[in-house]
N, C-alpha and C. Protein backbone atom coordinates (compact mmCIF):
# COMPACT_ATOMS: atom_id res chain seq x y z
N MET A 1 11.70 21.87 -25.86
CA MET A 1 12.71 21.01 -26.43
C MET A 1 13.68 21.86 -27.22
N HIS A 2 14.85 21.33 -27.39
CA HIS A 2 15.88 22.01 -28.16
C HIS A 2 15.82 21.55 -29.61
N GLY A 3 16.18 22.42 -30.52
CA GLY A 3 16.14 22.10 -31.93
C GLY A 3 17.02 20.92 -32.32
N GLY A 4 18.06 20.63 -31.56
CA GLY A 4 18.98 19.57 -31.90
C GLY A 4 18.52 18.19 -31.48
N GLN A 5 17.39 18.06 -30.85
CA GLN A 5 16.90 16.76 -30.38
C GLN A 5 16.06 16.11 -31.46
N HIS A 6 16.70 15.60 -32.48
CA HIS A 6 16.00 14.96 -33.59
C HIS A 6 15.26 13.71 -33.10
N GLY A 7 13.98 13.68 -33.33
CA GLY A 7 13.18 12.53 -32.95
C GLY A 7 12.65 12.57 -31.53
N ALA A 8 13.00 13.58 -30.75
CA ALA A 8 12.49 13.69 -29.39
C ALA A 8 10.99 14.00 -29.44
N ARG A 9 10.26 13.49 -28.47
CA ARG A 9 8.81 13.69 -28.43
C ARG A 9 8.35 14.03 -27.03
N VAL A 10 7.24 14.73 -26.96
CA VAL A 10 6.56 14.97 -25.70
C VAL A 10 5.13 14.50 -25.89
N SER A 11 4.69 13.60 -25.02
CA SER A 11 3.32 13.12 -25.05
C SER A 11 2.60 13.65 -23.83
N VAL A 12 1.29 13.81 -23.95
CA VAL A 12 0.49 14.27 -22.83
C VAL A 12 -0.72 13.36 -22.66
N ALA A 13 -1.03 13.07 -21.42
CA ALA A 13 -2.25 12.35 -21.07
C ALA A 13 -2.96 13.21 -20.04
N GLY A 14 -4.26 13.33 -20.17
CA GLY A 14 -4.95 14.21 -19.25
C GLY A 14 -6.38 13.80 -18.97
N MET A 15 -6.90 14.40 -17.94
CA MET A 15 -8.28 14.19 -17.51
C MET A 15 -8.92 15.54 -17.29
N VAL A 16 -10.11 15.71 -17.80
CA VAL A 16 -10.90 16.90 -17.51
C VAL A 16 -11.94 16.47 -16.48
N CYS A 17 -11.95 17.14 -15.35
CA CYS A 17 -12.80 16.73 -14.24
C CYS A 17 -13.88 17.78 -13.99
N TYR A 18 -15.11 17.31 -13.95
CA TYR A 18 -16.26 18.18 -13.70
C TYR A 18 -17.01 17.69 -12.49
N ARG A 19 -17.48 18.65 -11.68
CA ARG A 19 -18.30 18.33 -10.52
C ARG A 19 -19.33 19.45 -10.40
N PRO A 20 -20.60 19.11 -10.34
CA PRO A 20 -21.63 20.14 -10.26
C PRO A 20 -21.36 21.13 -9.12
N GLY A 21 -21.44 22.41 -9.44
CA GLY A 21 -21.24 23.44 -8.43
C GLY A 21 -19.78 23.79 -8.16
N HIS A 22 -18.83 23.14 -8.84
CA HIS A 22 -17.41 23.39 -8.63
C HIS A 22 -16.75 23.77 -9.95
N ARG A 23 -15.57 24.34 -9.85
CA ARG A 23 -14.80 24.65 -11.04
C ARG A 23 -14.26 23.37 -11.67
N SER A 24 -14.16 23.37 -12.97
CA SER A 24 -13.59 22.21 -13.66
C SER A 24 -12.08 22.19 -13.42
N ARG A 25 -11.51 21.00 -13.56
CA ARG A 25 -10.07 20.83 -13.36
C ARG A 25 -9.48 20.04 -14.51
N LEU A 26 -8.23 20.34 -14.80
CA LEU A 26 -7.46 19.57 -15.76
C LEU A 26 -6.30 18.95 -15.01
N ILE A 27 -6.23 17.63 -15.04
CA ILE A 27 -5.13 16.91 -14.41
C ILE A 27 -4.39 16.22 -15.54
N TYR A 28 -3.09 16.44 -15.62
CA TYR A 28 -2.36 15.89 -16.76
C TYR A 28 -0.96 15.46 -16.36
N ARG A 29 -0.36 14.67 -17.22
CA ARG A 29 1.02 14.23 -17.07
C ARG A 29 1.71 14.36 -18.42
N LEU A 30 2.97 14.73 -18.39
CA LEU A 30 3.78 14.79 -19.60
C LEU A 30 4.80 13.67 -19.58
N HIS A 31 5.11 13.15 -20.75
CA HIS A 31 6.15 12.13 -20.89
C HIS A 31 7.12 12.61 -21.96
N HIS A 32 8.37 12.76 -21.58
CA HIS A 32 9.41 13.21 -22.50
C HIS A 32 10.17 12.00 -23.01
N TYR A 33 10.23 11.84 -24.31
CA TYR A 33 10.98 10.76 -24.93
C TYR A 33 12.16 11.40 -25.66
N ARG A 34 13.37 11.01 -25.27
CA ARG A 34 14.57 11.64 -25.83
C ARG A 34 15.43 10.67 -26.64
N ARG A 35 14.85 9.53 -27.00
CA ARG A 35 15.53 8.52 -27.83
C ARG A 35 16.74 7.91 -27.14
N ARG A 36 16.69 7.78 -25.83
CA ARG A 36 17.77 7.14 -25.09
C ARG A 36 17.59 5.62 -25.13
N THR A 37 18.67 4.91 -25.06
CA THR A 37 18.63 3.45 -25.09
C THR A 37 17.78 2.93 -23.93
N GLY A 38 16.83 2.05 -24.25
CA GLY A 38 15.97 1.45 -23.23
C GLY A 38 14.84 2.33 -22.75
N GLU A 39 14.76 3.56 -23.24
CA GLU A 39 13.72 4.48 -22.81
C GLU A 39 12.40 4.14 -23.48
N ARG A 40 11.34 4.18 -22.74
CA ARG A 40 10.00 3.88 -23.25
C ARG A 40 9.48 5.07 -24.07
N VAL A 41 8.96 4.77 -25.26
CA VAL A 41 8.44 5.82 -26.14
C VAL A 41 7.12 6.35 -25.61
N SER A 42 6.26 5.47 -25.17
CA SER A 42 4.92 5.88 -24.72
C SER A 42 4.88 5.99 -23.19
N PHE A 43 3.76 6.45 -22.69
CA PHE A 43 3.58 6.58 -21.25
C PHE A 43 3.72 5.23 -20.57
N PRO A 44 4.47 5.18 -19.49
CA PRO A 44 4.52 3.93 -18.72
C PRO A 44 3.20 3.75 -17.97
N PRO A 45 2.77 2.51 -17.77
CA PRO A 45 1.50 2.27 -17.06
C PRO A 45 1.44 2.95 -15.69
N ALA A 46 2.55 3.00 -14.99
CA ALA A 46 2.55 3.62 -13.66
C ALA A 46 2.18 5.10 -13.72
N GLU A 47 2.46 5.76 -14.83
CA GLU A 47 2.11 7.17 -14.95
C GLU A 47 0.60 7.37 -15.03
N TYR A 48 -0.08 6.45 -15.70
CA TYR A 48 -1.55 6.52 -15.74
C TYR A 48 -2.13 6.32 -14.34
N THR A 49 -1.59 5.36 -13.60
CA THR A 49 -2.11 5.11 -12.26
C THR A 49 -1.83 6.30 -11.34
N ARG A 50 -0.67 6.94 -11.48
CA ARG A 50 -0.39 8.14 -10.67
C ARG A 50 -1.34 9.28 -11.01
N MET A 51 -1.71 9.39 -12.27
CA MET A 51 -2.65 10.44 -12.66
C MET A 51 -4.03 10.17 -12.04
N LEU A 52 -4.47 8.93 -12.04
CA LEU A 52 -5.75 8.58 -11.43
C LEU A 52 -5.71 8.80 -9.92
N GLN A 53 -4.59 8.47 -9.29
CA GLN A 53 -4.45 8.71 -7.85
C GLN A 53 -4.47 10.21 -7.54
N ALA A 54 -3.85 11.01 -8.39
CA ALA A 54 -3.88 12.46 -8.20
C ALA A 54 -5.30 13.00 -8.31
N ALA A 55 -6.07 12.45 -9.23
CA ALA A 55 -7.46 12.87 -9.38
C ALA A 55 -8.26 12.56 -8.11
N HIS A 56 -8.04 11.38 -7.54
CA HIS A 56 -8.73 11.03 -6.29
C HIS A 56 -8.34 11.97 -5.15
N GLN A 57 -7.08 12.37 -5.09
CA GLN A 57 -6.63 13.27 -4.03
C GLN A 57 -7.20 14.67 -4.20
N GLN A 58 -7.28 15.14 -5.45
CA GLN A 58 -7.76 16.49 -5.70
C GLN A 58 -9.27 16.60 -5.69
N LEU A 59 -9.96 15.47 -5.84
CA LEU A 59 -11.42 15.47 -5.87
C LEU A 59 -11.95 14.50 -4.81
N PRO A 60 -11.73 14.79 -3.55
CA PRO A 60 -12.14 13.86 -2.49
C PRO A 60 -13.65 13.63 -2.49
N GLY A 61 -14.01 12.38 -2.30
CA GLY A 61 -15.42 12.03 -2.22
C GLY A 61 -16.13 11.92 -3.55
N GLY A 62 -15.45 12.25 -4.61
CA GLY A 62 -16.07 12.19 -5.93
C GLY A 62 -15.77 10.88 -6.63
N LYS A 63 -16.67 10.48 -7.50
CA LYS A 63 -16.45 9.30 -8.31
C LYS A 63 -15.80 9.73 -9.62
N ILE A 64 -15.01 8.83 -10.17
CA ILE A 64 -14.35 9.09 -11.45
C ILE A 64 -14.97 8.17 -12.49
N VAL A 65 -15.40 8.76 -13.57
CA VAL A 65 -15.93 8.00 -14.70
C VAL A 65 -14.89 8.12 -15.81
N LEU A 66 -14.27 7.00 -16.16
CA LEU A 66 -13.26 7.01 -17.20
C LEU A 66 -13.88 6.71 -18.55
N VAL A 67 -13.48 7.49 -19.54
CA VAL A 67 -13.87 7.22 -20.92
C VAL A 67 -12.56 7.03 -21.67
N TRP A 68 -12.24 5.78 -21.95
CA TRP A 68 -10.99 5.44 -22.61
C TRP A 68 -11.19 5.34 -24.11
N ASP A 69 -10.11 5.57 -24.83
CA ASP A 69 -10.12 5.23 -26.25
C ASP A 69 -9.65 3.77 -26.35
N ASN A 70 -9.27 3.33 -27.50
CA ASN A 70 -8.93 1.92 -27.69
C ASN A 70 -7.43 1.68 -27.57
N LEU A 71 -6.70 2.56 -26.91
CA LEU A 71 -5.27 2.40 -26.73
C LEU A 71 -4.98 1.14 -25.91
N GLY A 72 -3.98 0.41 -26.30
CA GLY A 72 -3.66 -0.87 -25.66
C GLY A 72 -3.47 -0.77 -24.16
N ILE A 73 -2.78 0.26 -23.68
CA ILE A 73 -2.54 0.39 -22.24
C ILE A 73 -3.85 0.57 -21.47
N HIS A 74 -4.83 1.21 -22.09
CA HIS A 74 -6.12 1.41 -21.43
C HIS A 74 -6.86 0.08 -21.27
N ARG A 75 -6.60 -0.85 -22.16
CA ARG A 75 -7.26 -2.16 -22.11
C ARG A 75 -6.39 -3.24 -21.47
N SER A 76 -5.23 -2.87 -20.94
CA SER A 76 -4.28 -3.84 -20.42
C SER A 76 -4.77 -4.50 -19.12
N LYS A 77 -4.21 -5.65 -18.86
CA LYS A 77 -4.54 -6.38 -17.64
C LYS A 77 -4.12 -5.57 -16.41
N ALA A 78 -2.95 -4.95 -16.47
CA ALA A 78 -2.47 -4.16 -15.33
C ALA A 78 -3.41 -3.01 -15.00
N MET A 79 -3.91 -2.31 -16.03
CA MET A 79 -4.82 -1.19 -15.80
C MET A 79 -6.15 -1.70 -15.25
N ARG A 80 -6.65 -2.80 -15.78
CA ARG A 80 -7.90 -3.39 -15.29
C ARG A 80 -7.77 -3.77 -13.82
N GLU A 81 -6.64 -4.38 -13.45
CA GLU A 81 -6.42 -4.77 -12.07
C GLU A 81 -6.35 -3.56 -11.15
N PHE A 82 -5.69 -2.50 -11.61
CA PHE A 82 -5.61 -1.27 -10.80
C PHE A 82 -7.00 -0.67 -10.59
N ILE A 83 -7.77 -0.57 -11.67
CA ILE A 83 -9.10 0.01 -11.56
C ILE A 83 -10.00 -0.84 -10.66
N ASP A 84 -9.95 -2.15 -10.84
CA ASP A 84 -10.76 -3.04 -10.00
C ASP A 84 -10.37 -2.93 -8.52
N ALA A 85 -9.09 -2.81 -8.25
CA ALA A 85 -8.61 -2.72 -6.87
C ALA A 85 -9.02 -1.41 -6.20
N HIS A 86 -9.26 -0.38 -7.00
CA HIS A 86 -9.59 0.94 -6.44
C HIS A 86 -11.05 1.35 -6.70
N SER A 87 -11.83 0.44 -7.18
CA SER A 87 -13.23 0.72 -7.46
C SER A 87 -14.04 0.68 -6.16
N THR A 88 -15.01 1.58 -6.07
CA THR A 88 -15.85 1.64 -4.88
C THR A 88 -17.24 1.05 -5.13
N GLY A 89 -17.45 0.53 -6.25
CA GLY A 89 -18.78 0.00 -6.48
C GLY A 89 -18.95 -0.51 -7.80
């Protein structure tokens, strides 16, 4: 970021992925907030779903166990519907 961007923020969301016998992986997304009109301050829900889809692509055949904190987006109806739609069991 540039020093002149007063109030600009960068947020990160990530997943640490472990699989026995394999190297661990870090899958993450960055969100840049530049204080533009109408711009979302926090991660958009679609970015979380893209991160989960990337994890499935990079870890074929593996199950994902999510450990969420109490952030509202993690408990949202949209996230629950996405997880339920992509759950294998």
